[in-house]
Structure formats: structure tokens, C-alpha cells
N, C-alpha and C. Protein backbone atom coordinates (compact mmCIF):
# COMPACT_ATOMS: atom_id res chain seq x y z
N MET A 1 -26.40 -4.92 -8.30
CA MET A 1 -26.43 -4.63 -9.92
C MET A 1 -25.04 -3.45 -10.32
N SER A 2 -24.46 -3.56 -10.80
CA SER A 2 -23.48 -3.14 -11.72
C SER A 2 -24.19 -1.67 -12.66
N VAL A 3 -23.75 -0.86 -12.00
CA VAL A 3 -23.63 -0.23 -12.92
C VAL A 3 -22.74 0.38 -14.26
N PRO A 4 -23.82 0.91 -15.27
CA PRO A 4 -22.89 0.55 -16.38
C PRO A 4 -22.26 2.00 -16.55
N GLU A 5 -20.38 2.01 -17.43
CA GLU A 5 -19.74 2.66 -17.59
C GLU A 5 -20.67 3.75 -18.17
N GLY A 6 -21.44 4.01 -19.62
CA GLY A 6 -21.82 5.27 -19.97
C GLY A 6 -22.68 5.84 -19.13
N ARG A 7 -23.49 5.31 -17.67
CA ARG A 7 -24.25 5.80 -16.55
C ARG A 7 -23.59 6.24 -16.01
N LEU A 8 -22.93 6.01 -15.64
CA LEU A 8 -22.09 6.42 -14.19
C LEU A 8 -21.20 8.16 -15.02
N ARG A 9 -20.14 7.57 -15.89
CA ARG A 9 -20.08 9.07 -16.41
C ARG A 9 -21.07 10.54 -17.02
N GLU A 10 -22.38 9.75 -17.45
CA GLU A 10 -22.87 11.04 -17.42
C GLU A 10 -23.18 11.68 -16.33
N LEU A 11 -23.98 10.67 -15.17
CA LEU A 11 -23.63 10.73 -13.65
C LEU A 11 -22.73 11.92 -13.35
N LEU A 12 -20.97 11.54 -13.35
CA LEU A 12 -20.28 12.02 -12.98
C LEU A 12 -19.68 13.60 -14.11
N LYS A 13 -20.21 13.69 -15.27
CA LYS A 13 -20.59 14.73 -16.26
C LYS A 13 -21.25 16.02 -15.17
N ARG A 14 -22.31 15.22 -15.39
CA ARG A 14 -23.34 16.01 -14.70
C ARG A 14 -23.21 17.21 -13.22
N GLY A 15 -22.30 15.80 -12.41
CA GLY A 15 -21.48 16.78 -11.44
C GLY A 15 -20.97 17.18 -11.41
N LEU A 16 -19.90 17.15 -11.95
CA LEU A 16 -19.12 17.94 -12.18
C LEU A 16 -19.32 19.32 -12.56
N ALA A 17 -20.52 19.35 -13.20
CA ALA A 17 -21.14 20.95 -13.80
C ALA A 17 -22.23 21.70 -12.81
N GLY A 18 -21.53 21.20 -11.84
CA GLY A 18 -22.51 21.54 -10.91
C GLY A 18 -24.06 21.15 -10.43
N ASP A 19 -24.35 19.57 -11.07
CA ASP A 19 -25.56 18.90 -10.39
C ASP A 19 -25.61 18.21 -9.28
N ALA A 20 -25.82 18.52 -8.32
CA ALA A 20 -25.62 17.83 -6.61
C ALA A 20 -25.90 16.70 -6.54
N SER A 21 -27.77 16.68 -7.47
CA SER A 21 -28.40 15.59 -7.37
C SER A 21 -27.73 14.08 -8.10
N ALA A 22 -26.70 14.59 -9.52
CA ALA A 22 -26.43 13.52 -10.20
C ALA A 22 -24.72 13.50 -9.65
N TYR A 23 -23.90 13.85 -8.65
CA TYR A 23 -23.48 14.18 -8.16
C TYR A 23 -23.34 13.05 -6.73
N ARG A 24 -24.45 13.07 -6.07
CA ARG A 24 -24.85 12.16 -5.21
C ARG A 24 -25.15 10.31 -5.63
N ALA A 25 -25.86 10.93 -7.04
CA ALA A 25 -26.45 9.37 -8.11
C ALA A 25 -24.91 8.83 -8.29
N PHE A 26 -24.10 9.77 -8.76
CA PHE A 26 -23.02 8.82 -9.10
C PHE A 26 -21.93 8.24 -7.51
N LEU A 27 -22.26 8.98 -6.84
CA LEU A 27 -21.56 7.95 -5.87
C LEU A 27 -22.15 7.13 -5.27
N GLU A 28 -22.85 6.80 -5.03
CA GLU A 28 -24.32 5.14 -4.79
C GLU A 28 -24.30 4.78 -5.71
N ALA A 29 -24.48 5.17 -7.32
CA ALA A 29 -24.37 4.64 -7.92
C ALA A 29 -23.18 3.39 -7.75
N LEU A 30 -21.76 4.46 -7.77
CA LEU A 30 -20.01 4.12 -8.17
C LEU A 30 -19.91 2.57 -6.72
N SER A 31 -20.86 3.72 -5.26
CA SER A 31 -20.64 2.68 -4.14
C SER A 31 -21.20 1.21 -4.19
N GLY A 32 -22.05 0.64 -5.14
CA GLY A 32 -22.24 -0.41 -5.75
C GLY A 32 -21.66 -1.24 -6.49
N ASN A 33 -21.47 -0.80 -7.35
CA ASN A 33 -20.22 -1.55 -8.10
C ASN A 33 -18.58 -1.40 -7.44
N LEU A 34 -17.80 -0.47 -6.42
CA LEU A 34 -17.59 -0.69 -5.72
C LEU A 34 -17.57 -1.94 -4.27
N ARG A 35 -18.77 -1.90 -4.63
CA ARG A 35 -18.66 -2.96 -3.15
C ARG A 35 -18.42 -4.17 -4.16
N ALA A 36 -19.26 -4.48 -4.48
CA ALA A 36 -19.36 -5.62 -5.70
C ALA A 36 -17.07 -6.18 -5.87
N PHE A 37 -16.79 -5.04 -6.58
CA PHE A 37 -15.39 -5.07 -6.73
C PHE A 37 -14.64 -5.61 -5.41
N LEU A 38 -15.14 -4.55 -4.65
CA LEU A 38 -14.24 -4.96 -3.55
C LEU A 38 -14.68 -6.41 -2.83
N ARG A 39 -15.81 -6.98 -3.04
CA ARG A 39 -16.39 -8.06 -2.34
C ARG A 39 -15.45 -9.47 -2.05
N LYS A 40 -15.31 -9.28 -3.94
CA LYS A 40 -14.96 -10.67 -4.61
C LYS A 40 -13.05 -10.70 -4.62
N ARG A 41 -12.02 -9.18 -3.75
CA ARG A 41 -11.05 -9.55 -3.27
C ARG A 41 -11.10 -9.19 -2.52
N LEU A 42 -11.83 -9.89 -1.35
CA LEU A 42 -11.92 -9.57 -0.04
C LEU A 42 -12.80 -11.02 0.86
N SER A 43 -12.70 -11.38 -0.01
CA SER A 43 -14.00 -13.06 0.30
C SER A 43 -13.13 -13.41 1.89
N ARG A 44 -12.37 -13.26 2.31
CA ARG A 44 -12.51 -13.60 3.74
C ARG A 44 -12.20 -12.96 4.85
N LEU A 45 -12.05 -11.53 4.13
CA LEU A 45 -12.33 -10.33 5.16
C LEU A 45 -13.76 -9.37 4.97
N PRO A 46 -14.69 -10.22 5.13
CA PRO A 46 -16.07 -9.53 4.19
C PRO A 46 -16.13 -8.35 5.19
N ASP A 47 -16.00 -8.07 6.59
CA ASP A 47 -16.62 -6.83 7.61
C ASP A 47 -15.39 -5.96 7.34
N GLU A 48 -14.25 -5.71 6.22
CA GLU A 48 -12.94 -4.95 5.92
C GLU A 48 -14.49 -3.68 4.15
N VAL A 49 -14.95 -5.07 4.08
CA VAL A 49 -15.64 -4.61 2.28
C VAL A 49 -16.01 -2.74 2.56
N GLU A 50 -17.00 -2.34 4.04
CA GLU A 50 -17.81 -1.47 3.70
C GLU A 50 -16.66 -0.27 4.11
N ASP A 51 -15.81 -0.71 4.80
CA ASP A 51 -14.79 0.66 4.98
C ASP A 51 -13.51 0.87 3.56
N LEU A 52 -13.41 0.14 3.02
CA LEU A 52 -12.64 0.48 1.99
C LEU A 52 -13.70 0.91 0.97
N VAL A 53 -14.70 0.56 0.39
CA VAL A 53 -15.63 1.37 0.07
C VAL A 53 -15.70 2.69 0.09
N GLN A 54 -16.06 2.86 1.57
CA GLN A 54 -15.41 4.14 2.23
C GLN A 54 -14.49 5.54 1.60
N GLU A 55 -13.10 4.64 1.47
CA GLU A 55 -12.10 5.51 1.67
C GLU A 55 -11.68 5.38 -0.28
N SER A 56 -12.55 4.20 -0.64
CA SER A 56 -12.32 4.39 -1.82
C SER A 56 -13.10 5.87 -3.12
N LEU A 57 -14.65 5.66 -1.82
CA LEU A 57 -15.34 6.96 -3.09
C LEU A 57 -14.85 8.27 -1.85
N LEU A 58 -14.18 8.45 -1.54
CA LEU A 58 -13.36 9.68 -0.51
C LEU A 58 -12.42 10.14 -1.90
N ALA A 59 -11.33 9.28 -2.47
CA ALA A 59 -10.70 9.32 -2.92
C ALA A 59 -10.95 9.28 -4.02
N VAL A 60 -11.90 8.90 -4.59
CA VAL A 60 -12.44 9.38 -5.86
C VAL A 60 -13.14 10.98 -6.28
N HIS A 61 -13.77 11.09 -4.92
CA HIS A 61 -14.01 12.20 -4.59
C HIS A 61 -12.51 13.24 -4.70
N ASN A 62 -12.03 13.28 -3.61
CA ASN A 62 -10.81 14.00 -3.59
C ASN A 62 -10.02 14.00 -4.97
N GLN A 63 -10.36 13.04 -5.85
CA GLN A 63 -9.01 13.34 -7.30
C GLN A 63 -10.42 13.12 -8.66
N ARG A 64 -11.69 13.86 -8.21
CA ARG A 64 -12.37 14.02 -9.07
C ARG A 64 -12.12 15.08 -10.30
N HIS A 65 -10.88 15.86 -9.75
CA HIS A 65 -10.02 17.06 -11.23
C HIS A 65 -9.05 16.42 -11.58
N THR A 66 -8.39 15.20 -11.40
CA THR A 66 -7.54 14.67 -12.42
C THR A 66 -7.91 13.37 -13.53
N TYR A 67 -9.69 12.95 -12.92
CA TYR A 67 -10.36 11.85 -14.05
C TYR A 67 -10.35 12.35 -15.69
N ASP A 68 -9.56 12.04 -16.35
CA ASP A 68 -9.24 12.21 -17.61
C ASP A 68 -10.65 11.99 -18.50
N ALA A 69 -11.25 12.57 -18.78
CA ALA A 69 -13.23 12.34 -19.64
C ALA A 69 -12.31 11.05 -20.97
N ALA A 70 -11.28 11.49 -21.31
CA ALA A 70 -11.38 9.90 -22.61
C ALA A 70 -10.97 8.79 -22.53
N GLN A 71 -10.65 8.55 -20.66
CA GLN A 71 -10.45 7.82 -20.46
C GLN A 71 -11.46 6.72 -19.77
N PRO A 72 -11.49 5.34 -19.80
CA PRO A 72 -12.81 4.87 -19.05
C PRO A 72 -12.86 5.54 -18.18
N LEU A 73 -13.90 5.51 -17.14
CA LEU A 73 -14.33 6.13 -15.83
C LEU A 73 -13.46 4.72 -15.09
N THR A 74 -14.46 3.60 -14.83
CA THR A 74 -13.99 2.28 -14.47
C THR A 74 -12.44 1.95 -14.21
N ALA A 75 -12.05 2.29 -15.03
CA ALA A 75 -10.40 1.59 -15.15
C ALA A 75 -10.02 2.56 -13.80
N TRP A 76 -10.23 4.07 -13.99
CA TRP A 76 -9.59 5.18 -13.17
C TRP A 76 -9.84 4.23 -12.32
N VAL A 77 -11.30 4.06 -11.72
CA VAL A 77 -12.36 4.21 -10.17
C VAL A 77 -11.52 2.52 -9.49
N TYR A 78 -11.55 1.93 -10.05
CA TYR A 78 -10.92 0.68 -9.65
C TYR A 78 -9.56 0.89 -9.83
N ALA A 79 -8.29 1.60 -10.53
CA ALA A 79 -6.80 2.05 -9.84
C ALA A 79 -7.18 2.21 -8.98
N ILE A 80 -8.02 3.39 -8.01
CA ILE A 80 -8.15 4.20 -6.76
C ILE A 80 -8.28 2.59 -5.68
N ALA A 81 -9.73 2.08 -5.91
CA ALA A 81 -10.06 1.14 -5.77
C ALA A 81 -8.95 -0.15 -5.34
N ARG A 82 -8.10 -0.19 -6.01
CA ARG A 82 -6.95 -1.20 -6.04
C ARG A 82 -5.85 -0.91 -4.81
N TYR A 83 -5.34 0.54 -5.03
CA TYR A 83 -4.74 1.20 -4.44
C TYR A 83 -4.82 1.17 -2.67
N LYS A 84 -6.12 1.67 -2.67
CA LYS A 84 -6.43 1.57 -1.54
C LYS A 84 -6.82 0.62 -0.43
N LEU A 85 -6.95 -0.85 -1.76
CA LEU A 85 -7.46 -2.10 -1.00
C LEU A 85 -5.84 -2.94 -0.96
N VAL A 86 -4.23 -3.02 -1.67
CA VAL A 86 -3.37 -2.86 -1.04
C VAL A 86 -3.08 -2.06 -0.10
N ASP A 87 -2.82 -1.01 0.26
CA ASP A 87 -2.95 -0.21 1.48
C ASP A 87 -3.92 -0.88 2.81
N PHE A 88 -4.46 -1.05 2.58
CA PHE A 88 -5.41 -1.73 3.40
C PHE A 88 -4.57 -3.06 3.64
N LEU A 89 -4.10 -3.95 3.17
CA LEU A 89 -3.43 -5.19 2.86
C LEU A 89 -2.22 -5.00 3.83
N ARG A 90 -1.27 -3.99 3.32
CA ARG A 90 -0.10 -3.83 3.69
C ARG A 90 -0.29 -3.41 5.47
N ARG A 91 -0.94 -2.35 5.41
CA ARG A 91 -1.16 -1.85 6.97
C ARG A 91 -1.83 -3.03 7.98
N ARG A 92 -2.68 -4.73 7.29
CA ARG A 92 -2.82 -5.52 8.14
C ARG A 92 -1.89 -6.18 8.07
N SER A 93 -1.16 -6.26 6.95
CA SER A 93 0.01 -7.49 7.47
C SER A 93 0.87 -6.53 8.32
N ARG A 94 1.35 -5.61 8.73
CA ARG A 94 1.96 -5.22 9.13
C ARG A 94 1.96 -5.22 10.74
N GLU A 95 -0.01 -5.06 11.05
CA GLU A 95 -0.98 -5.57 12.43
C GLU A 95 -0.22 -6.29 12.63
N ASP A 96 -0.88 -7.56 11.53
CA ASP A 96 -0.67 -9.26 12.21
C ASP A 96 0.73 -9.26 12.23
N LEU A 97 1.78 -8.85 12.21
CA LEU A 97 3.45 -9.83 12.19
C LEU A 97 3.26 -8.80 14.14
N LEU A 98 2.75 -7.62 13.85
CA LEU A 98 3.43 -7.20 15.53
C LEU A 98 1.74 -7.44 16.48
N ASN A 99 1.31 -9.02 15.89
CA ASN A 99 -0.08 -9.42 16.97
C ASN A 99 0.31 -10.88 16.74
N ASP A 100 1.59 -11.21 16.16
CA ASP A 100 1.82 -12.77 16.83
C ASP A 100 1.13 -13.13 17.54
N PRO A 101 0.84 -14.28 17.20
CA PRO A 101 -0.09 -14.92 19.31
C PRO A 101 1.10 -15.51 20.14
N LEU A 102 1.40 -14.90 21.05
CA LEU A 102 3.05 -15.50 22.07
C LEU A 102 2.77 -17.06 22.35
N ASP A 103 1.48 -17.83 22.05
CA ASP A 103 1.35 -19.01 23.24
C ASP A 103 2.44 -19.46 22.03
N ASP A 104 2.54 -19.43 20.70
CA ASP A 104 3.38 -20.05 19.30
C ASP A 104 4.32 -19.82 19.68
N GLU A 105 4.90 -19.14 20.46
CA GLU A 105 6.38 -18.45 20.27
C GLU A 105 6.99 -18.89 21.94
N ILE A 106 6.34 -19.69 22.47
CA ILE A 106 6.86 -20.19 23.53
C ILE A 106 8.63 -20.39 24.43
N ASP A 107 9.11 -20.70 23.44
CA ASP A 107 9.96 -21.49 22.44
C ASP A 107 11.48 -20.07 22.22
N LEU A 108 10.65 -19.47 22.34
CA LEU A 108 11.84 -17.95 21.80
C LEU A 108 11.86 -17.21 22.71
N LEU A 109 10.30 -17.17 23.37
CA LEU A 109 10.44 -16.30 25.24
C LEU A 109 11.98 -17.67 25.90
N ALA A 110 11.20 -18.64 25.76
CA ALA A 110 13.10 -19.30 26.52
C ALA A 110 14.28 -19.21 26.01
N GLY A 111 14.46 -18.50 25.37
CA GLY A 111 15.79 -18.86 24.36
C GLY A 111 17.18 -17.66 25.02
N SER A 112 17.59 -17.46 24.22
CA SER A 112 18.56 -16.13 24.82
C SER A 112 19.01 -15.20 24.17
N ASP A 113 18.61 -13.86 24.93
CA ASP A 113 18.21 -12.32 24.18
C ASP A 113 20.17 -12.27 23.10
N ASP A 114 21.06 -13.39 23.19
CA ASP A 114 22.03 -12.86 22.88
C ASP A 114 22.04 -12.91 21.66
N GLU A 115 21.29 -14.14 21.75
CA GLU A 115 21.09 -14.66 19.26
C GLU A 115 20.42 -13.44 18.89
N ALA A 116 19.66 -12.40 19.70
CA ALA A 116 18.87 -12.08 19.15
C ALA A 116 19.92 -9.90 19.15
N ALA A 117 20.90 -10.14 20.09
CA ALA A 117 21.27 -9.01 20.11
C ALA A 117 22.79 -9.22 18.81
N GLU A 118 23.17 -10.05 19.09
CA GLU A 118 24.33 -10.53 17.81
C GLU A 118 23.11 -10.96 15.97
N ALA A 119 22.26 -10.59 15.87
CA ALA A 119 21.92 -10.84 15.32
C ALA A 119 21.90 -9.43 14.28
N ARG A 120 20.74 -8.42 15.24
CA ARG A 120 21.68 -7.14 15.02
C ARG A 120 23.07 -6.62 14.57
N ARG A 121 22.91 -6.58 15.52
CA ARG A 121 24.46 -6.18 15.73
C ARG A 121 25.28 -5.58 13.66
N ASP A 122 24.86 -7.81 13.86
CA ASP A 122 25.46 -8.21 12.77
C ASP A 122 24.77 -7.70 11.34
N LEU A 123 23.68 -7.37 11.65
CA LEU A 123 22.85 -7.13 10.80
C LEU A 123 23.11 -4.95 10.20
N ALA A 124 23.25 -4.55 11.51
CA ALA A 124 24.10 -3.05 11.86
C ALA A 124 25.00 -2.85 10.49
N LYS A 125 25.40 -4.06 11.54
CA LYS A 125 27.19 -4.20 10.92
C LYS A 125 27.38 -3.85 9.02
N LEU A 126 26.04 -5.22 8.53
CA LEU A 126 26.31 -4.62 7.18
C LEU A 126 25.85 -3.89 6.68
N LEU A 127 23.91 -3.56 7.28
CA LEU A 127 23.45 -2.45 6.92
C LEU A 127 24.49 -1.41 6.30
N GLY A 128 25.82 -0.76 7.27
CA GLY A 128 26.48 0.03 7.33
C GLY A 128 28.02 0.30 6.73
N SER A 129 27.63 -0.97 6.20
CA SER A 129 28.71 -1.00 4.66
C SER A 129 28.18 -0.63 3.67
N LEU A 130 26.91 -0.06 3.90
CA LEU A 130 26.26 0.59 2.11
C LEU A 130 26.28 1.88 2.07
N PRO A 131 26.05 2.84 1.04
CA PRO A 131 25.92 3.94 1.09
C PRO A 131 24.93 4.37 0.88
N ASP A 132 25.00 5.97 1.97
CA ASP A 132 23.18 6.33 2.41
C ASP A 132 22.14 6.00 1.76
N ARG A 133 22.49 5.92 0.34
CA ARG A 133 21.54 6.16 -1.15
C ARG A 133 20.50 4.13 -1.04
N GLN A 134 21.71 3.47 -0.12
CA GLN A 134 20.80 2.39 -0.26
C GLN A 134 20.83 2.02 0.72
N ARG A 135 21.66 2.06 1.97
CA ARG A 135 21.26 1.87 3.51
C ARG A 135 19.67 2.53 3.82
N LEU A 136 19.57 3.64 3.75
CA LEU A 136 18.22 4.33 4.17
C LEU A 136 17.05 3.85 3.16
N PRO A 137 17.12 3.37 2.02
CA PRO A 137 15.68 3.49 1.52
C PRO A 137 15.59 1.20 2.34
N ILE A 138 16.72 0.73 2.68
CA ILE A 138 16.14 -0.59 2.78
C ILE A 138 15.85 -0.61 4.35
N VAL A 139 16.71 0.61 5.26
CA VAL A 139 15.96 0.46 6.87
C VAL A 139 14.85 1.52 6.78
N HIS A 140 13.83 1.95 5.94
CA HIS A 140 12.97 2.88 6.69
C HIS A 140 11.87 1.86 5.86
N VAL A 141 12.12 0.82 3.99
CA VAL A 141 10.92 0.19 3.55
C VAL A 141 11.25 -0.66 4.10
N LYS A 142 12.20 -1.39 3.89
CA LYS A 142 12.54 -3.38 5.06
C LYS A 142 12.37 -3.17 6.51
N ILE A 143 12.91 -2.28 6.93
CA ILE A 143 13.09 -3.00 8.69
C ILE A 143 11.43 -1.82 8.82
N GLU A 144 11.53 -0.77 9.22
CA GLU A 144 10.55 -0.20 9.18
C GLU A 144 9.52 0.23 9.02
N GLY A 145 8.96 -0.83 7.45
CA GLY A 145 8.18 -1.21 6.68
C GLY A 145 7.26 0.48 6.73
N LEU A 146 7.43 1.34 5.97
CA LEU A 146 7.52 2.61 5.49
C LEU A 146 7.50 1.85 4.10
N SER A 147 6.64 3.50 3.59
CA SER A 147 6.66 2.81 2.08
C SER A 147 7.37 4.28 0.79
N VAL A 148 7.38 2.68 0.25
CA VAL A 148 8.75 4.11 -0.91
C VAL A 148 8.50 5.74 -0.92
N ALA A 149 6.86 6.24 -0.55
CA ALA A 149 6.78 7.36 -1.30
C ALA A 149 7.22 8.18 -0.18
N ASP A 150 6.62 7.75 1.83
CA ASP A 150 7.07 8.19 2.54
C ASP A 150 8.80 8.11 2.74
N THR A 151 9.18 6.00 2.28
CA THR A 151 10.76 6.69 1.62
C THR A 151 11.12 7.69 1.26
N ALA A 152 10.71 8.06 0.12
CA ALA A 152 11.26 8.84 -0.58
C ALA A 152 11.43 10.44 0.01
N ARG A 153 10.47 11.09 1.20
CA ARG A 153 10.42 12.13 1.44
C ARG A 153 11.04 11.88 2.78
N ARG A 154 11.17 11.84 3.30
CA ARG A 154 11.76 11.33 4.26
C ARG A 154 13.82 11.59 3.72
N THR A 155 13.82 10.90 2.48
CA THR A 155 15.03 10.82 2.45
C THR A 155 15.99 11.53 1.43
N GLY A 156 14.50 11.88 0.88
CA GLY A 156 15.00 13.51 -0.30
C GLY A 156 15.05 12.72 -1.48
N LEU A 157 15.64 11.51 -1.72
CA LEU A 157 15.22 11.05 -2.78
C LEU A 157 14.33 10.48 -3.72
N SER A 158 14.31 10.69 -5.10
CA SER A 158 12.75 10.01 -5.52
C SER A 158 12.01 8.39 -4.97
N GLU A 159 10.94 8.85 -5.75
CA GLU A 159 10.17 7.57 -5.59
C GLU A 159 11.15 6.01 -6.23
N SER A 160 11.74 7.16 -7.86
CA SER A 160 12.23 5.56 -8.38
C SER A 160 13.58 5.87 -7.64
N ALA A 161 14.67 6.38 -7.63
CA ALA A 161 15.76 6.47 -6.29
C ALA A 161 15.60 5.25 -5.54
N VAL A 162 14.52 5.60 -4.59
CA VAL A 162 14.56 4.46 -3.34
C VAL A 162 14.55 3.39 -3.54
N LYS A 163 13.34 3.34 -5.08
CA LYS A 163 13.47 1.49 -5.41
C LYS A 163 15.12 1.35 -5.75
N VAL A 164 15.86 1.76 -6.73
CA VAL A 164 16.81 1.24 -6.88
C VAL A 164 17.70 0.96 -6.00
N GLY A 165 17.12 2.21 -4.95
CA GLY A 165 18.26 1.66 -3.75
C GLY A 165 18.07 0.45 -3.14
N ILE A 166 16.75 0.26 -3.18
CA ILE A 166 16.68 -0.99 -1.80
C ILE A 166 17.29 -2.26 -3.69
N HIS A 167 16.95 -1.86 -4.61
CA HIS A 167 17.88 -3.23 -5.62
C HIS A 167 19.28 -3.10 -4.94
N ARG A 168 19.30 -2.76 -5.74
CA ARG A 168 20.83 -2.39 -5.53
C ARG A 168 22.01 -2.53 -3.66
N GLY A 169 21.46 -1.99 -3.14
CA GLY A 169 21.84 -1.97 -1.57
C GLY A 169 21.61 -3.79 -1.55
N LEU A 170 20.14 -4.59 -1.62
CA LEU A 170 20.10 -6.21 -0.93
C LEU A 170 21.02 -6.90 -1.81
N ARG A 171 20.78 -6.53 -3.36
CA ARG A 171 22.06 -6.95 -4.22
C ARG A 171 23.59 -7.49 -3.04
N ALA A 172 23.77 -6.19 -3.30
CA ALA A 172 25.37 -5.47 -2.10
C ALA A 172 25.45 -6.18 -1.69
N LEU A 173 24.46 -6.86 -0.19
CA LEU A 173 24.29 -7.59 1.38
C LEU A 173 24.00 -8.86 0.77
N ALA A 174 23.93 -9.03 -0.43
CA ALA A 174 24.18 -10.62 -0.89
C ALA A 174 24.56 -10.88 -1.30
N ALA A 175 25.93 -10.01 -2.14
CA ALA A 175 26.58 -10.62 -2.63
C ALA A 175 28.19 -10.82 -1.55
N ARG A 176 27.75 -9.33 0.25
CA ARG A 176 28.69 -9.39 1.25
C ARG A 176 28.63 -10.75 1.46
N MET A 177 26.84 -11.66 1.73
CA MET A 177 27.15 -12.70 2.67
C MET A 177 27.34 -13.66 2.12
N ARG A 178 27.95 -13.98 0.66
CA ARG A 178 28.23 -15.37 0.01
C ARG A 178 29.24 -14.99 0.40
N GLY A 179 30.58 -13.89 0.30
CA GLY A 179 31.75 -13.47 0.06
C GLY A 179 32.60 -12.79 -0.90
N GLU A 180 31.44 -12.63 -1.75
CA GLU A 180 31.85 -11.89 -3.22
C GLU A 180 32.64 -10.80 -2.74
N SER A 181 32.40 -9.79 -2.08
CA SER A 181 32.53 -9.02 -1.82
C SER A 181 33.58 -8.32 -0.78
């Protein structure tokens, strides 16, 4: 059963004022809400729900100082849970890509490594034609699988500049491949 917004807000407010039992009750009540929220979104991965509930609770606890009491509490909490869910799905998709079953790809293994090497050379040549502010975000985010935030830290660019660099770089590569430049 979902705990109403007003009750959660009251428990959090008391908890932030120093009432440890109210804060514990807040986290317990919130865990039920988060469990229901995440169970709906992970119906095919029910074993992952509890881990994400715990990650979300930890994030709520660590970010409690950022909560604006003028805003709805559940919207803030569910935004945190959505970010945790997206992070989980990204990690899982990367792991799935790394763990594709090989028996489905026997023909690939029997094929020539020359094609793969040629493709890598072509890609390196195309990427080498881009300025660093476009090439590096594409390499880090699209090829290495880093997040935009990690790429921004690594390159010294802002997150917006990373996104713009990817967009413009991919557009420039597509134009080159079509022979437009």
C-alpha cells in the first residue's frame, strides 16, 4: 500500500528536524512506495527491484539536503528513482552487449579479421577528421559507453558541450559518409 504524500512529507520534516524514529519511519514508508514504483517498471526483472530500492533510498538519504519543501516530495523521490533505474538499465545493456552468446555468432568467428580491422581503420580515419570537441565526446560516449557527465569531467567540457559535440560530430560524419563534404 502506498503511503500518501502528506504523511511522507511530515515524517521527512520531523526527521530532518532531528527525530530519528520519524526519519526511520519515513525511509520504511518510502521503501514501500519505491518498491511499487520500480516493480511496475521492472516487471521482467523482479530480482533487481530490491537492489534499486536500496540504491534509491541511499540516494534520497544522501540528497535530502537538496529537497525543496515547496515542491512535491514524491515527484522529487521518483525523479531520483528514475535516474537510478536509467543508470541500471544502461549498465545492464552494456553488460548484455559484452555477454552476447557466442554460439549464435559462429559465422562471425569463422569470418576474416581483415573486415573488422578495415572497419576500425575507416572509423579511426573518419573520427580523425573531426575536431576534438566533437571527436572526443563521440569516442567516450558512443564508443566507450561513458556517461555524458563522465565525459564532461574527462574532457573538461560542459555536459551541454558534450551533447552538442556528439550531435554535431555525428551530423558531420553522416555528411562525410554521404559524400557531402
